[in-house]
C-alpha cells in the first residue's frame, strides 16, 4: 500500500515532461474472490492512490501536478469499473494535498469512459 517518489534523471526523455515519478503498487484482483476479499482489495487499491497523493504532498518540493493511469486495470486484472471507482474515491478522500492539477491519462477507451462515468456521478450530486 506504500508509494515512493523518484526524480526523473535530467538526460531522460521523460524529463522534458515531468520532474518526478510516483511509484504506487496496486493489488492483484485475479481469481474468484469472495465478497470480503473483493472489498479488501478495493480498499487496497484506493489506498494505493491515496499513498501516491500523500507522497507527492510530502516531497521536499511538493508536487503540484500529477498524471496517472487507471491503476489496477491492466496486468493486475481489476475490473475497469471498480478501478475507476477506487480512483474517484481516492480523489474525494481529501488526500490531494497541494495538488493543483490531477490528470488521468489512459489509452484504453474503456478506462477513460469509466473514469468519466464515475466522476460525472460525483458532479451530479
Foldseek 3Di string as FASTA:
>chain_A
DAKAKDADDPVDPCVVPDGIDIGFAQAADDDDDDPVVVVVSLVRLLVSLLNSLQNQQPDPPRDQEEEEEQPCVPPSPDPLLSSLLSNVCSVVPPSNHNHPYYHYDDPDVVNVVSNVVNVVVVVVD
